[in-house]
C-alpha atoms as a PDB file:
ATOM      1  CA  MET A   1      87.901 119.412 124.439  1.00  0.00           C
ATOM      2  CA  ASP A   2      91.496 118.724 123.455  1.00  0.00           C
ATOM      3  CA  GLU A   3      92.478 117.789 119.901  1.00  0.00           C
ATOM      4  CA  GLN A   4      92.913 114.080 120.661  1.00  0.00           C
ATOM      5  CA  SER A   5      89.446 113.854 122.245  1.00  0.00           C
ATOM      6  CA  TYR A   6      87.972 115.770 119.314  1.00  0.00           C
ATOM      7  CA  ARG A   7      89.500 113.389 116.777  1.00  0.00           C
ATOM      8  CA  ALA A   8      88.225 110.361 118.708  1.00  0.00           C
ATOM      9  CA  ALA A   9      84.708 111.829 118.949  1.00  0.00           C
ATOM     10  CA  ARG A  10      84.791 112.785 115.283  1.00  0.00           C
ATOM     11  CA  GLY A  11      85.734 109.229 114.314  1.00  0.00           C
ATOM     12  CA  GLU A  12      82.799 107.874 116.339  1.00  0.00           C
ATOM     13  CA  ILE A  13      80.232 110.355 115.025  1.00  0.00           C
ATOM     14  CA  ASN A  14      81.438 110.755 111.449  1.00  0.00           C
ATOM     15  CA  ARG A  15      82.332 107.315 110.127  1.00  0.00           C
ATOM     16  CA  LEU A  16      82.126 108.410 106.466  1.00  0.00           C
ATOM     17  CA  PRO A  17      83.715 111.893 106.257  1.00  0.00           C
ATOM     18  CA  CYS A  18      82.999 113.942 103.145  1.00  0.00           C
ATOM     19  CA  VAL A  19      85.972 114.083 100.782  1.00  0.00           C
ATOM     20  CA  PHE A  20      85.119 117.684  99.833  1.00  0.00           C
ATOM     21  CA  GLU A  21      84.392 118.757 103.420  1.00  0.00           C
ATOM     22  CA  LYS A  22      86.603 121.858 103.233  1.00  0.00           C
ATOM     23  CA  ALA A  23      84.829 123.062 100.075  1.00  0.00           C
ATOM     24  CA  LEU A  24      81.396 122.501 101.611  1.00  0.00           C
ATOM     25  CA  LEU A  25      82.314 124.160 104.909  1.00  0.00           C
ATOM     26  CA  SER A  26      83.688 127.190 103.061  1.00  0.00           C
ATOM     27  CA  ARG A  27      80.443 127.328 101.056  1.00  0.00           C
ATOM     28  CA  CYS A  28      82.113 127.218  97.646  1.00  0.00           C
ATOM     29  CA  ALA A  29      80.205 124.006  96.828  1.00  0.00           C
ATOM     30  CA  ALA A  30      77.149 122.060  97.921  1.00  0.00           C
ATOM     31  CA  CYS A  31      76.090 118.411  97.970  1.00  0.00           C
ATOM     32  CA  GLU A  32      72.727 116.805  98.634  1.00  0.00           C
ATOM     33  CA  LEU A  33      74.410 113.841 100.353  1.00  0.00           C
ATOM     34  CA  ALA A  34      76.169 116.023 102.938  1.00  0.00           C
ATOM     35  CA  ALA A  35      75.105 115.480 106.546  1.00  0.00           C
ATOM     36  CA  ARG A  36      76.386 118.146 108.938  1.00  0.00           C
ATOM     37  CA  HIS A  37      77.362 117.350 112.527  1.00  0.00           C
ATOM     38  CA  ALA A  38      78.502 119.657 115.323  1.00  0.00           C
ATOM     39  CA  ILE A  39      81.275 118.415 117.598  1.00  0.00           C
ATOM     40  CA  ALA A  40      82.696 120.659 120.319  1.00  0.00           C
ATOM     41  CA  GLU A  41      81.773 123.895 118.540  1.00  0.00           C
ATOM     42  CA  ARG A  42      83.211 122.608 115.257  1.00  0.00           C
ATOM     43  CA  GLU A  43      81.330 121.421 112.232  1.00  0.00           C
ATOM     44  CA  THR A  44      82.044 118.238 110.329  1.00  0.00           C
ATOM     45  CA  ILE A  45      80.374 116.792 107.252  1.00  0.00           C
ATOM     46  CA  ALA A  46      79.588 113.147 106.592  1.00  0.00           C
ATOM     47  CA  CYS A  47      78.643 111.541 103.286  1.00  0.00           C
ATOM     48  CA  ALA A  48      75.402 109.589 103.137  1.00  0.00           C
ATOM     49  CA  SER A  49      76.616 107.243 100.372  1.00  0.00           C
ATOM     50  CA  PRO A  50      79.727 105.018 100.409  1.00  0.00           C
ATOM     51  CA  LEU A  51      79.633 104.745  96.585  1.00  0.00           C
ATOM     52  CA  ALA A  52      79.409 108.514  96.090  1.00  0.00           C
ATOM     53  CA  ARG A  53      82.228 108.991  98.606  1.00  0.00           C
ATOM     54  CA  ALA A  54      84.419 106.551  96.651  1.00  0.00           C
ATOM     55  CA  ASN A  55      83.756 108.493  93.433  1.00  0.00           C
ATOM     56  CA  CYS A  56      84.534 111.783  95.192  1.00  0.00           C
ATOM     57  CA  GLY A  57      87.751 110.281  96.560  1.00  0.00           C
ATOM     58  CA  ALA A  58      88.784 109.253  93.056  1.00  0.00           C
ATOM     59  CA  LEU A  59      87.951 112.726  91.715  1.00  0.00           C
ATOM     60  CA  TYR A  60      89.902 114.457  94.485  1.00  0.00           C
ATOM     61  CA  GLY A  61      92.924 112.226  93.847  1.00  0.00           C
ATOM     62  CA  LEU A  62      92.818 113.097  90.148  1.00  0.00           C
ATOM     63  CA  LEU A  63      92.394 116.807  90.900  1.00  0.00           C
ATOM     64  CA  ARG A  64      95.353 116.742  93.260  1.00  0.00           C
ATOM     65  CA  ARG A  65      97.575 114.814  90.858  1.00  0.00           C
ATOM     66  CA  ASN A  66      96.671 116.984  87.860  1.00  0.00           C
ATOM     67  CA  SER A  67      97.048 120.223  89.857  1.00  0.00           C
ATOM     68  CA  ALA A  68     100.494 119.356  91.222  1.00  0.00           C
ATOM     69  CA  PHE A  69     102.468 121.267  88.598  1.00  0.00           C
ATOM     70  CA  THR A  70     100.195 124.317  88.755  1.00  0.00           C
ATOM     71  CA  LEU A  71     100.471 124.443  92.545  1.00  0.00           C
ATOM     72  CA  LYS A  72     104.198 123.575  92.576  1.00  0.00           C
ATOM     73  CA  LEU A  73     103.599 120.507  94.745  1.00  0.00           C
ATOM     74  CA  LYS A  74     106.285 117.951  95.425  1.00  0.00           C
ATOM     75  CA  GLU A  75     105.355 114.280  95.188  1.00  0.00           C
ATOM     76  CA  THR A  76     106.614 113.815  98.729  1.00  0.00           C
ATOM     77  CA  GLN A  77     104.005 116.213 100.157  1.00  0.00           C
ATOM     78  CA  ARG A  78     101.415 113.866 101.579  1.00  0.00           C
ATOM     79  CA  ILE A  79      99.639 116.311 103.860  1.00  0.00           C
ATOM     80  CA  LEU A  80      98.860 119.678 102.310  1.00  0.00           C
ATOM     81  CA  PRO A  81      98.228 122.957 104.099  1.00  0.00           C
ATOM     82  CA  HIS A  82      94.560 123.875 104.539  1.00  0.00           C
ATOM     83  CA  ALA A  83      94.714 126.694 101.962  1.00  0.00           C
ATOM     84  CA  MET A  84      96.226 124.395  99.328  1.00  0.00           C
ATOM     85  CA  THR A  85      93.597 121.701  99.914  1.00  0.00           C
ATOM     86  CA  LEU A  86      90.883 124.344  99.722  1.00  0.00           C
ATOM     87  CA  ARG A  87      92.292 125.615  96.441  1.00  0.00           C
ATOM     88  CA  ILE A  88      92.320 122.106  94.953  1.00  0.00           C
ATOM     89  CA  GLN A  89      88.775 121.384  96.172  1.00  0.00           C
ATOM     90  CA  CYS A  90      87.083 124.716  95.413  1.00  0.00           C
ATOM     91  CA  GLY A  91      89.075 125.516  92.287  1.00  0.00           C
ATOM     92  CA  GLY A  92      88.810 121.951  91.014  1.00  0.00           C
ATOM     93  CA  LEU A  93      85.046 121.822  91.489  1.00  0.00           C
ATOM     94  CA  GLU A  94      84.680 125.253  89.877  1.00  0.00           C
ATOM     95  CA  GLY A  95      86.840 124.124  86.950  1.00  0.00           C
ATOM     96  CA  LEU A  96      84.785 120.936  86.610  1.00  0.00           C
ATOM     97  CA  ARG A  97      81.564 122.961  86.703  1.00  0.00           C
ATOM     98  CA  ALA A  98      82.888 125.269  83.977  1.00  0.00           C
ATOM     99  CA  ALA A  99      83.952 122.286  81.857  1.00  0.00           C
ATOM    100  CA  ILE A 100      80.779 120.183  82.045  1.00  0.00           C
ATOM    101  CA  ASP A 101      77.917 122.247  83.510  1.00  0.00           C
ATOM    102  CA  ALA A 102      78.709 125.921  82.882  1.00  0.00           C
ATOM    103  CA  ASP A 103      75.059 126.953  83.359  1.00  0.00           C
ATOM    104  CA  ALA A 104      74.964 125.743  86.977  1.00  0.00           C
ATOM    105  CA  ALA A 105      74.922 128.552  89.528  1.00  0.00           C
ATOM    106  CA  ALA A 106      77.369 126.876  91.926  1.00  0.00           C
ATOM    107  CA  PRO A 107      79.252 123.580  92.045  1.00  0.00           C
ATOM    108  CA  ASP A 108      77.110 120.693  93.325  1.00  0.00           C
ATOM    109  CA  VAL A 109      79.516 117.847  94.034  1.00  0.00           C
ATOM    110  CA  LEU A 110      77.139 114.901  93.539  1.00  0.00           C
ATOM    111  CA  ARG A 111      75.650 116.354  90.363  1.00  0.00           C
ATOM    112  CA  LEU A 112      79.077 117.181  88.905  1.00  0.00           C
ATOM    113  CA  VAL A 113      80.485 113.713  89.592  1.00  0.00           C
ATOM    114  CA  ARG A 114      77.421 112.026  88.068  1.00  0.00           C
ATOM    115  CA  ARG A 115      77.486 114.269  84.971  1.00  0.00           C
ATOM    116  CA  ALA A 116      81.236 113.775  84.566  1.00  0.00           C
ATOM    117  CA  ILE A 117      80.869 109.988  84.551  1.00  0.00           C
ATOM    118  CA  GLU A 118      77.854 110.156  82.181  1.00  0.00           C
ATOM    119  CA  GLN A 119      79.549 112.560  79.797  1.00  0.00           C
ATOM    120  CA  PHE A 120      83.092 111.129  79.757  1.00  0.00           C
ATOM    121  CA  GLY A 121      82.565 107.501  80.790  1.00  0.00           C
ATOM    122  CA  SER A 122      85.035 107.760  83.667  1.00  0.00           C
ATOM    123  CA  LEU A 123      86.627 110.374  85.881  1.00  0.00           C
ATOM    124  CA  GLU A 124      90.050 109.622  84.381  1.00  0.00           C
ATOM    125  CA  ALA A 125      88.794 110.828  80.971  1.00  0.00           C
ATOM    126  CA  LEU A 126      87.908 114.328  82.209  1.00  0.00           C
ATOM    127  CA  PRO A 127      89.504 117.349  80.468  1.00  0.00           C
ATOM    128  CA  PHE A 128      91.930 118.115  83.292  1.00  0.00           C
ATOM    129  CA  SER A 129      93.809 120.729  81.268  1.00  0.00           C
ATOM    130  CA  ARG A 130      90.603 122.831  81.412  1.00  0.00           C
ATOM    131  CA  ILE A 131      89.672 121.851  84.964  1.00  0.00           C
ATOM    132  CA  VAL A 132      93.085 122.767  86.377  1.00  0.00           C
ATOM    133  CA  GLN A 133      92.562 126.300  85.051  1.00  0.00           C
ATOM    134  CA  GLY A 134      89.891 126.604  87.745  1.00  0.00           C
ATOM    135  CA  VAL A 135      92.424 125.556  90.385  1.00  0.00           C
ATOM    136  CA  ALA A 136      94.947 128.096  89.099  1.00  0.00           C
ATOM    137  CA  ALA A 137      92.349 130.892  89.015  1.00  0.00           C
ATOM    138  CA  TRP A 138      90.660 130.176  92.354  1.00  0.00           C
ATOM    139  CA  LYS A 139      91.225 132.762  95.072  1.00  0.00           C
ATOM    140  CA  PRO A 140      89.948 132.542  98.641  1.00  0.00           C
ATOM    141  CA  ARG A 141      87.378 135.071  99.762  1.00  0.00           C
ATOM    142  CA  ARG A 142      88.882 138.187 101.224  1.00  0.00           C
ATOM    143  CA  ARG A 143      88.378 138.445 104.928  1.00  0.00           C
ATOM    144  CA  TYR A 144      86.311 141.387 106.007  1.00  0.00           C
ATOM    145  CA  HIS A 145      88.111 143.942 108.118  1.00  0.00           C
ATOM    146  CA  ALA A 146      86.238 146.916 109.559  1.00  0.00           C
ATOM    147  CA  HIS A 147      88.861 149.316 108.215  1.00  0.00           C
ATOM    148  CA  ASP A 148      88.470 148.004 104.621  1.00  0.00           C
ATOM    149  CA  THR A 149      85.037 149.507 104.096  1.00  0.00           C
ATOM    150  CA  PRO A 150      83.864 153.003 104.927  1.00  0.00           C
ATOM    151  CA  GLY A 151      81.314 153.151 107.688  1.00  0.00           C
ATOM    152  CA  PRO A 152      77.716 154.301 107.296  1.00  0.00           C
ATOM    153  CA  SER A 153      78.831 157.906 107.220  1.00  0.00           C
ATOM    154  CA  GLY A 154      81.096 157.291 104.225  1.00  0.00           C
ATOM    155  CA  PRO A 155      84.775 158.036 103.781  1.00  0.00           C
ATOM    156  CA  SER A 156      84.487 161.782 104.427  1.00  0.00           C
ATOM    157  CA  GLY A 157      82.357 161.834 107.544  1.00  0.00           C
ATOM    158  CA  PRO A 158      78.629 162.175 108.187  1.00  0.00           C
ATOM    159  CA  GLN A 159      76.421 162.888 105.202  1.00  0.00           C
ATOM    160  CA  GLY A 160      75.538 166.508 104.729  1.00  0.00           C
ATOM    161  CA  ALA A 161      78.406 167.680 106.920  1.00  0.00           C
ATOM    162  CA  THR A 162      80.283 170.667 105.612  1.00  0.00           C
END
């Protein structure tokens, strides 16, 4: 399937794409409203609630705007590279979790957005100076390479060998 056909099929199947799709696909966050779909050997995530999606969109916009200086973004950059978007999403959700629900094991998007609105009254009132620290600190997982880790016999050869 070519890219144009994929985008058309995705638009038909996923009419309400998840705002934090990259974070969910990379497994740095979860959401109970996420509905996964497979299209041409790719995975896409839809949101089950238009209201929740609107709140997530507002949160992502605020995360992006407040992270701009930290990430050295120019206002003219409309489309960000994948790694930069992932850093804003994963780091922003981790920073939000640390700021309002530090006891949670992992960021849960729906729960974090609800707690943020309950605790601060609006998403605009969030402590972005603390949240952006999560964006600045977030690092992608290291890719596994076979040569990075010693094999079952260890770095010096088979066990017991002399």
